[in-house]
Amino acid sequence: MSLVPKAVCFVRGKGFHKSKLGSFEQALRDAGIAKYNIVKVSSILPPYCIEIPKEEALPQLRAGQILYTVLSRASSDEFNRLISASIGIAKPSDIKAYGYLSEHHAFGVKPEKTGEFAEDLAAEMLATTLGVTFDSEADYDEKQEIFRMNGKIVETKSITESATVRQENEWATVLAAAVFIL
């Protein structure tokens, strides 16, 4: 039996609760994946794996089903703390090749920067496997231009969620996930 996913969808969510676990549950509910058993996997986007919208993907699943995900998550109970979680996506132009997903979370960092970092990380991992040479110390925009000009990477992007802890004695959790559909 092969467990190579045929499709992937991307979800995000945030939750607040007096307990860390409760806030995670709320974030899972917000993302639409609370009723599944989640298994974290590493960061390969399989060949021929197509992206489908969450609204199309989740109805294919059953409550209690095991979901393989690349999951990024952050939690805090520090009042006014900004937290963010992101999944970076890098798809190769050749659908027969595999791509990369990266997970990154941050504290006190603007969500846009968290997303850029995750996207950059996924693109860098894919580029190095495809033999694309670039300066790893170059800024984000320079690297993006190198990836585009090379033609081996068709798309890079990220999905990010952020929240600020709203009050004392409260936990906030954010998550972003790539959900694989078998």
N, C-alpha and C. Protein backbone atom coordinates (compact mmCIF):
# COMPACT_ATOMS: atom_id res chain seq x y z
N MET A 1 0.84 -1.18 0.00
CA MET A 1 0.00 0.00 0.00
C MET A 1 0.88 1.25 0.00
N SER A 2 0.63 2.13 -0.92
CA SER A 2 1.41 3.36 -1.04
C SER A 2 0.72 4.49 -0.29
N LEU A 3 1.49 5.23 0.46
CA LEU A 3 0.94 6.37 1.19
C LEU A 3 1.43 7.69 0.59
N VAL A 4 1.62 7.72 -0.72
CA VAL A 4 2.06 8.96 -1.37
C VAL A 4 0.83 9.83 -1.62
N PRO A 5 0.80 11.02 -1.04
CA PRO A 5 -0.36 11.89 -1.22
C PRO A 5 -0.56 12.30 -2.67
N LYS A 6 -1.83 12.39 -3.05
CA LYS A 6 -2.21 12.84 -4.39
C LYS A 6 -2.53 14.33 -4.41
N ALA A 7 -2.88 14.86 -3.23
CA ALA A 7 -3.28 16.27 -3.14
C ALA A 7 -2.86 16.84 -1.78
N VAL A 8 -2.83 18.16 -1.73
CA VAL A 8 -2.50 18.87 -0.50
C VAL A 8 -3.38 20.11 -0.42
N CYS A 9 -3.78 20.45 0.79
CA CYS A 9 -4.45 21.73 1.01
C CYS A 9 -3.74 22.42 2.17
N PHE A 10 -3.90 23.72 2.23
CA PHE A 10 -3.23 24.51 3.27
C PHE A 10 -4.28 25.16 4.16
N VAL A 11 -4.07 25.04 5.47
CA VAL A 11 -5.00 25.59 6.45
C VAL A 11 -4.23 26.40 7.49
N ARG A 12 -4.96 27.25 8.18
CA ARG A 12 -4.38 28.01 9.29
C ARG A 12 -5.47 28.30 10.30
N GLY A 13 -5.04 28.53 11.54
CA GLY A 13 -6.01 28.82 12.57
C GLY A 13 -5.36 29.42 13.81
N LYS A 14 -6.19 30.01 14.64
CA LYS A 14 -5.73 30.55 15.92
C LYS A 14 -6.78 30.25 16.97
N GLY A 15 -6.30 30.14 18.21
CA GLY A 15 -7.20 29.86 19.31
C GLY A 15 -6.73 30.46 20.61
N PHE A 16 -7.68 30.70 21.48
CA PHE A 16 -7.41 31.30 22.79
C PHE A 16 -8.13 30.48 23.85
N HIS A 17 -7.45 30.26 24.99
CA HIS A 17 -8.05 29.47 26.06
C HIS A 17 -7.22 29.65 27.32
N LYS A 18 -7.77 29.28 28.47
CA LYS A 18 -7.02 29.38 29.73
C LYS A 18 -5.90 28.35 29.82
N SER A 19 -5.96 27.30 28.97
CA SER A 19 -4.89 26.30 28.96
C SER A 19 -4.22 26.25 27.59
N LYS A 20 -2.98 25.82 27.57
CA LYS A 20 -2.24 25.70 26.31
C LYS A 20 -2.93 24.69 25.39
N LEU A 21 -3.29 23.52 25.94
CA LEU A 21 -3.96 22.50 25.14
C LEU A 21 -5.29 23.01 24.60
N GLY A 22 -6.04 23.71 25.43
CA GLY A 22 -7.33 24.27 25.00
C GLY A 22 -7.16 25.26 23.85
N SER A 23 -6.11 26.08 23.92
CA SER A 23 -5.89 27.05 22.84
C SER A 23 -5.47 26.33 21.55
N PHE A 24 -4.73 25.22 21.68
CA PHE A 24 -4.36 24.43 20.50
C PHE A 24 -5.61 23.82 19.88
N GLU A 25 -6.49 23.28 20.69
CA GLU A 25 -7.75 22.71 20.19
C GLU A 25 -8.56 23.78 19.45
N GLN A 26 -8.62 24.97 20.02
CA GLN A 26 -9.36 26.06 19.36
C GLN A 26 -8.72 26.43 18.02
N ALA A 27 -7.39 26.42 17.95
CA ALA A 27 -6.70 26.71 16.70
C ALA A 27 -6.98 25.62 15.66
N LEU A 28 -7.00 24.36 16.10
CA LEU A 28 -7.34 23.26 15.19
C LEU A 28 -8.76 23.42 14.67
N ARG A 29 -9.69 23.80 15.54
CA ARG A 29 -11.07 24.02 15.11
C ARG A 29 -11.16 25.16 14.10
N ASP A 30 -10.44 26.25 14.39
CA ASP A 30 -10.44 27.40 13.50
C ASP A 30 -9.89 27.01 12.12
N ALA A 31 -8.92 26.12 12.10
CA ALA A 31 -8.32 25.67 10.84
C ALA A 31 -9.18 24.62 10.14
N GLY A 32 -10.13 24.03 10.86
CA GLY A 32 -11.02 23.03 10.28
C GLY A 32 -10.51 21.61 10.37
N ILE A 33 -9.49 21.36 11.21
CA ILE A 33 -8.90 20.02 11.28
C ILE A 33 -8.92 19.41 12.69
N ALA A 34 -9.81 19.87 13.54
CA ALA A 34 -9.84 19.38 14.92
C ALA A 34 -10.35 17.95 15.05
N LYS A 35 -11.17 17.50 14.12
CA LYS A 35 -11.80 16.18 14.27
C LYS A 35 -10.98 15.04 13.67
N TYR A 36 -9.72 15.32 13.35
CA TYR A 36 -8.85 14.30 12.75
C TYR A 36 -7.67 14.00 13.67
N ASN A 37 -7.05 12.84 13.48
CA ASN A 37 -5.84 12.47 14.21
C ASN A 37 -4.65 12.92 13.37
N ILE A 38 -3.92 13.86 13.90
CA ILE A 38 -2.86 14.52 13.14
C ILE A 38 -1.51 13.87 13.39
N VAL A 39 -0.85 13.55 12.30
CA VAL A 39 0.50 13.00 12.35
C VAL A 39 1.41 13.99 11.61
N LYS A 40 2.43 14.46 12.30
CA LYS A 40 3.38 15.38 11.68
C LYS A 40 4.39 14.59 10.85
N VAL A 41 4.63 15.08 9.64
CA VAL A 41 5.62 14.47 8.76
C VAL A 41 6.61 15.54 8.33
N SER A 42 7.70 15.10 7.71
CA SER A 42 8.70 16.07 7.26
C SER A 42 8.21 16.80 6.01
N SER A 43 9.09 17.39 5.28
CA SER A 43 8.70 18.50 4.41
C SER A 43 8.80 18.28 2.91
N ILE A 44 8.50 17.10 2.43
CA ILE A 44 8.55 16.86 0.99
C ILE A 44 7.14 16.98 0.39
N LEU A 45 7.03 17.77 -0.67
CA LEU A 45 5.81 17.86 -1.46
C LEU A 45 5.97 16.85 -2.59
N PRO A 46 5.22 15.75 -2.56
CA PRO A 46 5.46 14.65 -3.51
C PRO A 46 5.26 15.06 -4.97
N PRO A 47 5.94 14.34 -5.88
CA PRO A 47 5.69 14.56 -7.31
C PRO A 47 4.21 14.30 -7.60
N TYR A 48 3.67 15.01 -8.56
CA TYR A 48 2.28 14.87 -9.01
C TYR A 48 1.25 15.25 -7.95
N CYS A 49 1.66 15.76 -6.82
CA CYS A 49 0.73 16.16 -5.76
C CYS A 49 0.16 17.54 -6.11
N ILE A 50 -1.15 17.60 -6.28
CA ILE A 50 -1.76 18.86 -6.68
C ILE A 50 -2.33 19.58 -5.45
N GLU A 51 -2.36 20.89 -5.54
CA GLU A 51 -2.95 21.70 -4.47
C GLU A 51 -4.43 21.87 -4.75
N ILE A 52 -5.25 21.60 -3.72
CA ILE A 52 -6.68 21.82 -3.85
C ILE A 52 -7.15 22.70 -2.69
N PRO A 53 -8.23 23.43 -2.88
CA PRO A 53 -8.72 24.30 -1.80
C PRO A 53 -9.21 23.49 -0.60
N LYS A 54 -9.09 24.08 0.55
CA LYS A 54 -9.54 23.47 1.80
C LYS A 54 -11.00 23.03 1.69
N GLU A 55 -11.83 23.85 1.04
CA GLU A 55 -13.26 23.57 0.92
C GLU A 55 -13.53 22.31 0.08
N GLU A 56 -12.60 21.97 -0.79
CA GLU A 56 -12.71 20.75 -1.59
C GLU A 56 -12.07 19.56 -0.88
N ALA A 57 -11.00 19.81 -0.15
CA ALA A 57 -10.23 18.73 0.48
C ALA A 57 -10.91 18.15 1.72
N LEU A 58 -11.31 19.00 2.64
CA LEU A 58 -11.79 18.50 3.93
C LEU A 58 -13.07 17.66 3.83
N PRO A 59 -14.00 17.94 2.92
CA PRO A 59 -15.17 17.06 2.81
C PRO A 59 -14.82 15.63 2.37
N GLN A 60 -13.64 15.40 1.85
CA GLN A 60 -13.21 14.06 1.45
C GLN A 60 -12.78 13.21 2.65
N LEU A 61 -12.66 13.85 3.82
CA LEU A 61 -12.12 13.18 5.00
C LEU A 61 -13.23 12.77 5.96
N ARG A 62 -12.90 11.79 6.83
CA ARG A 62 -13.85 11.32 7.83
C ARG A 62 -13.32 11.63 9.23
N ALA A 63 -14.22 11.93 10.14
CA ALA A 63 -13.84 12.19 11.54
C ALA A 63 -13.03 11.01 12.07
N GLY A 64 -11.93 11.31 12.75
CA GLY A 64 -11.07 10.28 13.31
C GLY A 64 -9.99 9.80 12.37
N GLN A 65 -10.09 10.20 11.11
CA GLN A 65 -9.09 9.77 10.12
C GLN A 65 -7.71 10.30 10.48
N ILE A 66 -6.68 9.53 10.16
CA ILE A 66 -5.30 9.99 10.36
C ILE A 66 -4.96 10.95 9.23
N LEU A 67 -4.52 12.14 9.59
CA LEU A 67 -4.10 13.15 8.62
C LEU A 67 -2.60 13.34 8.72
N TYR A 68 -1.94 13.20 7.62
CA TYR A 68 -0.51 13.49 7.56
C TYR A 68 -0.36 14.97 7.23
N THR A 69 0.38 15.67 8.07
CA THR A 69 0.51 17.11 7.90
C THR A 69 1.96 17.56 8.11
N VAL A 70 2.29 18.66 7.45
CA VAL A 70 3.47 19.42 7.84
C VAL A 70 2.87 20.57 8.64
N LEU A 71 3.23 20.65 9.91
CA LEU A 71 2.55 21.55 10.85
C LEU A 71 3.54 22.49 11.52
N SER A 72 3.19 23.77 11.50
CA SER A 72 3.94 24.78 12.24
C SER A 72 3.00 25.34 13.29
N ARG A 73 3.52 25.48 14.51
CA ARG A 73 2.65 25.94 15.59
C ARG A 73 3.45 26.73 16.61
N ALA A 74 2.80 27.73 17.20
CA ALA A 74 3.41 28.51 18.27
C ALA A 74 2.35 28.82 19.31
N SER A 75 2.76 28.81 20.58
CA SER A 75 1.85 29.12 21.68
C SER A 75 2.55 30.03 22.67
N SER A 76 1.76 30.86 23.34
CA SER A 76 2.32 31.72 24.39
C SER A 76 1.21 32.12 25.34
N ASP A 77 1.61 32.38 26.59
CA ASP A 77 0.68 32.95 27.57
C ASP A 77 1.22 34.28 28.08
N GLU A 78 2.18 34.85 27.38
CA GLU A 78 2.76 36.14 27.76
C GLU A 78 1.89 37.27 27.20
N PHE A 79 1.28 38.04 28.08
CA PHE A 79 0.38 39.13 27.68
C PHE A 79 1.03 40.03 26.63
N ASN A 80 0.28 40.30 25.58
CA ASN A 80 0.69 41.14 24.45
C ASN A 80 1.77 40.53 23.56
N ARG A 81 2.10 39.27 23.75
CA ARG A 81 3.12 38.61 22.92
C ARG A 81 2.53 38.31 21.54
N LEU A 82 3.22 38.73 20.49
CA LEU A 82 2.85 38.43 19.11
C LEU A 82 3.49 37.10 18.74
N ILE A 83 2.68 36.18 18.22
CA ILE A 83 3.19 34.88 17.78
C ILE A 83 2.73 34.63 16.34
N SER A 84 3.52 33.88 15.61
CA SER A 84 3.12 33.54 14.24
C SER A 84 3.68 32.18 13.86
N ALA A 85 2.96 31.52 12.95
CA ALA A 85 3.36 30.22 12.44
C ALA A 85 3.12 30.23 10.94
N SER A 86 4.03 29.61 10.21
CA SER A 86 3.94 29.66 8.75
C SER A 86 4.43 28.36 8.11
N ILE A 87 3.85 28.04 6.97
CA ILE A 87 4.33 26.97 6.11
C ILE A 87 4.80 27.63 4.82
N GLY A 88 6.04 27.34 4.44
CA GLY A 88 6.58 27.81 3.17
C GLY A 88 6.41 26.72 2.13
N ILE A 89 6.14 27.12 0.91
CA ILE A 89 5.88 26.18 -0.17
C ILE A 89 6.78 26.51 -1.35
N ALA A 90 7.45 25.50 -1.91
CA ALA A 90 8.25 25.67 -3.12
C ALA A 90 7.94 24.52 -4.06
N LYS A 91 7.33 24.85 -5.20
CA LYS A 91 6.94 23.85 -6.17
C LYS A 91 7.89 23.89 -7.37
N PRO A 92 8.36 22.73 -7.80
CA PRO A 92 9.23 22.70 -8.98
C PRO A 92 8.40 22.86 -10.26
N SER A 93 9.02 23.35 -11.31
CA SER A 93 8.30 23.49 -12.57
C SER A 93 7.99 22.13 -13.20
N ASP A 94 8.80 21.12 -12.90
CA ASP A 94 8.58 19.77 -13.40
C ASP A 94 7.71 19.01 -12.40
N ILE A 95 6.48 18.70 -12.78
CA ILE A 95 5.54 18.04 -11.87
C ILE A 95 6.01 16.64 -11.47
N LYS A 96 6.96 16.08 -12.21
CA LYS A 96 7.50 14.75 -11.88
C LYS A 96 8.53 14.84 -10.75
N ALA A 97 8.95 16.05 -10.41
CA ALA A 97 9.94 16.26 -9.35
C ALA A 97 9.22 16.60 -8.04
N TYR A 98 9.91 16.38 -6.94
CA TYR A 98 9.30 16.73 -5.65
C TYR A 98 9.64 18.17 -5.29
N GLY A 99 8.78 18.75 -4.45
CA GLY A 99 8.98 20.09 -3.95
C GLY A 99 9.25 20.06 -2.46
N TYR A 100 9.26 21.23 -1.86
CA TYR A 100 9.54 21.34 -0.43
C TYR A 100 8.49 22.17 0.28
N LEU A 101 8.26 21.78 1.52
CA LEU A 101 7.44 22.54 2.46
C LEU A 101 8.33 22.81 3.66
N SER A 102 8.22 23.98 4.23
CA SER A 102 9.00 24.28 5.44
C SER A 102 8.07 24.81 6.51
N GLU A 103 8.40 24.52 7.74
CA GLU A 103 7.61 25.06 8.84
C GLU A 103 8.49 26.01 9.65
N HIS A 104 7.90 27.14 10.01
CA HIS A 104 8.64 28.14 10.78
C HIS A 104 7.65 28.85 11.70
N HIS A 105 8.08 29.10 12.92
CA HIS A 105 7.26 29.90 13.83
C HIS A 105 8.16 30.94 14.49
N ALA A 106 7.53 32.01 14.97
CA ALA A 106 8.32 33.11 15.53
C ALA A 106 7.52 33.81 16.64
N PHE A 107 8.27 34.49 17.48
CA PHE A 107 7.72 35.29 18.57
C PHE A 107 8.18 36.73 18.39
N GLY A 108 7.25 37.68 18.43
CA GLY A 108 7.61 39.09 18.32
C GLY A 108 8.05 39.52 16.93
N VAL A 109 7.69 38.74 15.91
CA VAL A 109 8.07 39.04 14.53
C VAL A 109 6.80 39.27 13.72
N LYS A 110 6.82 40.28 12.85
CA LYS A 110 5.65 40.54 12.02
C LYS A 110 5.31 39.30 11.19
N PRO A 111 4.03 39.00 11.03
CA PRO A 111 3.63 37.81 10.28
C PRO A 111 4.21 37.76 8.87
N GLU A 112 4.31 38.91 8.22
CA GLU A 112 4.85 38.94 6.85
C GLU A 112 6.29 38.43 6.83
N LYS A 113 7.06 38.79 7.84
CA LYS A 113 8.46 38.33 7.91
C LYS A 113 8.53 36.84 8.20
N THR A 114 7.63 36.34 9.05
CA THR A 114 7.60 34.91 9.32
C THR A 114 7.29 34.15 8.03
N GLY A 115 6.31 34.63 7.28
CA GLY A 115 5.95 34.01 6.00
C GLY A 115 7.07 34.06 4.99
N GLU A 116 7.73 35.21 4.89
CA GLU A 116 8.86 35.34 3.96
C GLU A 116 9.98 34.38 4.32
N PHE A 117 10.25 34.24 5.60
CA PHE A 117 11.32 33.34 6.04
C PHE A 117 10.98 31.90 5.69
N ALA A 118 9.74 31.49 5.96
CA ALA A 118 9.32 30.12 5.65
C ALA A 118 9.37 29.85 4.15
N GLU A 119 8.90 30.81 3.36
CA GLU A 119 8.93 30.67 1.90
C GLU A 119 10.36 30.58 1.39
N ASP A 120 11.20 31.43 1.90
CA ASP A 120 12.61 31.46 1.51
C ASP A 120 13.29 30.14 1.86
N LEU A 121 12.98 29.60 3.02
CA LEU A 121 13.56 28.34 3.46
C LEU A 121 13.16 27.19 2.53
N ALA A 122 11.87 27.11 2.19
CA ALA A 122 11.40 26.06 1.27
C ALA A 122 12.06 26.22 -0.10
N ALA A 123 12.13 27.45 -0.59
CA ALA A 123 12.72 27.70 -1.91
C ALA A 123 14.21 27.35 -1.91
N GLU A 124 14.89 27.68 -0.83
CA GLU A 124 16.32 27.37 -0.74
C GLU A 124 16.55 25.86 -0.73
N MET A 125 15.73 25.12 0.02
CA MET A 125 15.88 23.66 0.06
C MET A 125 15.64 23.06 -1.32
N LEU A 126 14.60 23.54 -2.01
CA LEU A 126 14.32 23.03 -3.35
C LEU A 126 15.43 23.42 -4.33
N ALA A 127 15.85 24.67 -4.28
CA ALA A 127 16.88 25.14 -5.21
C ALA A 127 18.16 24.33 -5.08
N THR A 128 18.56 24.03 -3.85
CA THR A 128 19.82 23.30 -3.68
C THR A 128 19.72 21.88 -4.21
N THR A 129 18.52 21.27 -4.17
CA THR A 129 18.38 19.91 -4.73
C THR A 129 18.33 19.95 -6.25
N LEU A 130 17.94 21.10 -6.82
CA LEU A 130 17.85 21.23 -8.28
C LEU A 130 19.14 21.76 -8.89
N GLY A 131 20.13 22.04 -8.05
CA GLY A 131 21.40 22.55 -8.55
C GLY A 131 21.43 24.03 -8.88
N VAL A 132 20.46 24.78 -8.37
CA VAL A 132 20.44 26.22 -8.58
C VAL A 132 21.43 26.86 -7.62
N THR A 133 22.37 27.62 -8.14
CA THR A 133 23.35 28.27 -7.28
C THR A 133 22.91 29.70 -6.97
N PHE A 134 23.11 30.07 -5.73
CA PHE A 134 22.77 31.41 -5.28
C PHE A 134 23.51 31.68 -3.99
N ASP A 135 23.56 32.93 -3.61
CA ASP A 135 24.20 33.34 -2.36
C ASP A 135 23.18 33.22 -1.23
N SER A 136 23.42 32.31 -0.30
CA SER A 136 22.45 32.11 0.78
C SER A 136 22.33 33.34 1.67
N GLU A 137 23.30 34.23 1.61
CA GLU A 137 23.24 35.46 2.40
C GLU A 137 22.52 36.59 1.67
N ALA A 138 22.13 36.36 0.41
CA ALA A 138 21.42 37.39 -0.36
C ALA A 138 20.08 37.67 0.31
N ASP A 139 19.54 38.87 0.06
CA ASP A 139 18.25 39.16 0.68
C ASP A 139 17.14 38.41 -0.06
N TYR A 140 15.98 38.41 0.54
CA TYR A 140 14.83 37.64 0.07
C TYR A 140 14.51 37.95 -1.40
N ASP A 141 14.43 39.22 -1.77
CA ASP A 141 14.06 39.60 -3.14
C ASP A 141 15.10 39.15 -4.15
N GLU A 142 16.38 39.25 -3.81
CA GLU A 142 17.44 38.79 -4.71
C GLU A 142 17.31 37.30 -4.98
N LYS A 143 17.10 36.53 -3.93
CA LYS A 143 16.96 35.08 -4.09
C LYS A 143 15.73 34.74 -4.93
N GLN A 144 14.62 35.44 -4.68
CA GLN A 144 13.41 35.19 -5.46
C GLN A 144 13.66 35.40 -6.94
N GLU A 145 14.40 36.43 -7.28
CA GLU A 145 14.70 36.72 -8.68
C GLU A 145 15.57 35.61 -9.29
N ILE A 146 16.52 35.10 -8.54
CA ILE A 146 17.38 34.00 -9.01
C ILE A 146 16.52 32.76 -9.27
N PHE A 147 15.60 32.45 -8.37
CA PHE A 147 14.74 31.29 -8.53
C PHE A 147 13.87 31.44 -9.77
N ARG A 148 13.30 32.63 -9.98
CA ARG A 148 12.43 32.87 -11.13
C ARG A 148 13.21 32.77 -12.44
N MET A 149 14.39 33.38 -12.47
CA MET A 149 15.19 33.40 -13.69
C MET A 149 15.67 32.01 -14.07
N ASN A 150 15.90 31.17 -13.11
CA ASN A 150 16.40 29.82 -13.35
C ASN A 150 15.38 28.95 -14.07
N GLY A 151 14.09 29.14 -13.78
CA GLY A 151 13.04 28.40 -14.45
C GLY A 151 12.75 27.02 -13.89
N LYS A 152 13.47 26.58 -12.87
CA LYS A 152 13.24 25.25 -12.31
C LYS A 152 12.23 25.26 -11.17
N ILE A 153 11.96 26.45 -10.64
CA ILE A 153 10.98 26.59 -9.57
C ILE A 153 9.81 27.38 -10.12
N VAL A 154 8.62 26.79 -10.10
CA VAL A 154 7.46 27.43 -10.71
C VAL A 154 6.72 28.35 -9.73
N GLU A 155 6.74 28.00 -8.44
CA GLU A 155 5.98 28.80 -7.49
C GLU A 155 6.56 28.68 -6.09
N THR A 156 6.62 29.81 -5.41
CA THR A 156 6.91 29.81 -3.98
C THR A 156 5.87 30.71 -3.31
N LYS A 157 5.48 30.33 -2.12
CA LYS A 157 4.51 31.11 -1.36
C LYS A 157 4.52 30.63 0.08
N SER A 158 3.68 31.23 0.89
CA SER A 158 3.55 30.79 2.28
C SER A 158 2.13 31.00 2.74
N ILE A 159 1.78 30.29 3.80
CA ILE A 159 0.52 30.50 4.51
C ILE A 159 0.90 30.74 5.96
N THR A 160 0.39 31.82 6.52
CA THR A 160 0.81 32.26 7.85
C THR A 160 -0.40 32.63 8.70
N GLU A 161 -0.30 32.33 9.98
CA GLU A 161 -1.31 32.78 10.95
C GLU A 161 -0.58 33.47 12.09
N SER A 162 -1.20 34.51 12.63
CA SER A 162 -0.60 35.22 13.76
C SER A 162 -1.68 35.64 14.74
N ALA A 163 -1.25 35.90 15.96
CA ALA A 163 -2.16 36.39 17.00
C ALA A 163 -1.33 37.05 18.09
N THR A 164 -2.00 37.84 18.87
CA THR A 164 -1.39 38.45 20.04
C THR A 164 -2.15 37.97 21.27
N VAL A 165 -1.42 37.59 22.30
CA VAL A 165 -2.05 37.16 23.55
C VAL A 165 -2.87 38.34 24.07
N ARG A 166 -4.17 38.15 24.24
CA ARG A 166 -5.10 39.24 24.52
C ARG A 166 -5.19 39.65 25.97
N GLN A 167 -4.95 38.70 26.88
CA GLN A 167 -5.10 39.02 28.30
C GLN A 167 -4.23 38.10 29.15
N GLU A 168 -4.06 38.50 30.40
CA GLU A 168 -3.29 37.65 31.30
C GLU A 168 -4.09 36.40 31.61
N ASN A 169 -3.39 35.34 31.98
CA ASN A 169 -4.00 34.04 32.27
C ASN A 169 -4.75 33.46 31.08
N GLU A 170 -4.23 33.74 29.89
CA GLU A 170 -4.81 33.20 28.67
C GLU A 170 -3.68 32.73 27.76
N TRP A 171 -3.90 31.60 27.13
CA TRP A 171 -2.96 31.08 26.14
C TRP A 171 -3.49 31.39 24.75
N ALA A 172 -2.56 31.69 23.86
CA ALA A 172 -2.88 31.84 22.44
C ALA A 172 -2.03 30.81 21.69
N THR A 173 -2.62 30.19 20.69
CA THR A 173 -1.91 29.27 19.81
C THR A 173 -2.26 29.61 18.37
N VAL A 174 -1.25 29.60 17.51
CA VAL A 174 -1.46 29.77 16.08
C VAL A 174 -0.86 28.56 15.37
N LEU A 175 -1.45 28.22 14.24
CA LEU A 175 -0.90 27.12 13.46
C LEU A 175 -1.12 27.36 11.97
N ALA A 176 -0.24 26.78 11.21
CA ALA A 176 -0.38 26.71 9.74
C ALA A 176 -0.01 25.28 9.38
N ALA A 177 -0.71 24.70 8.42
CA ALA A 177 -0.45 23.30 8.10
C ALA A 177 -0.70 23.01 6.62
N ALA A 178 0.11 22.11 6.12
CA ALA A 178 -0.12 21.47 4.82
C ALA A 178 -0.77 20.13 5.15
N VAL A 179 -1.96 19.90 4.67
CA VAL A 179 -2.72 18.69 4.95
C VAL A 179 -2.69 17.82 3.69
N PHE A 180 -2.15 16.61 3.82
CA PHE A 180 -2.04 15.71 2.68
C PHE A 180 -3.32 14.88 2.54
N ILE A 181 -3.77 14.74 1.31
CA ILE A 181 -4.93 13.91 0.98
C ILE A 181 -4.39 12.70 0.22
N LEU A 182 -4.66 11.50 0.75
CA LEU A 182 -4.15 10.27 0.12
C LEU A 182 -5.05 9.80 -1.00
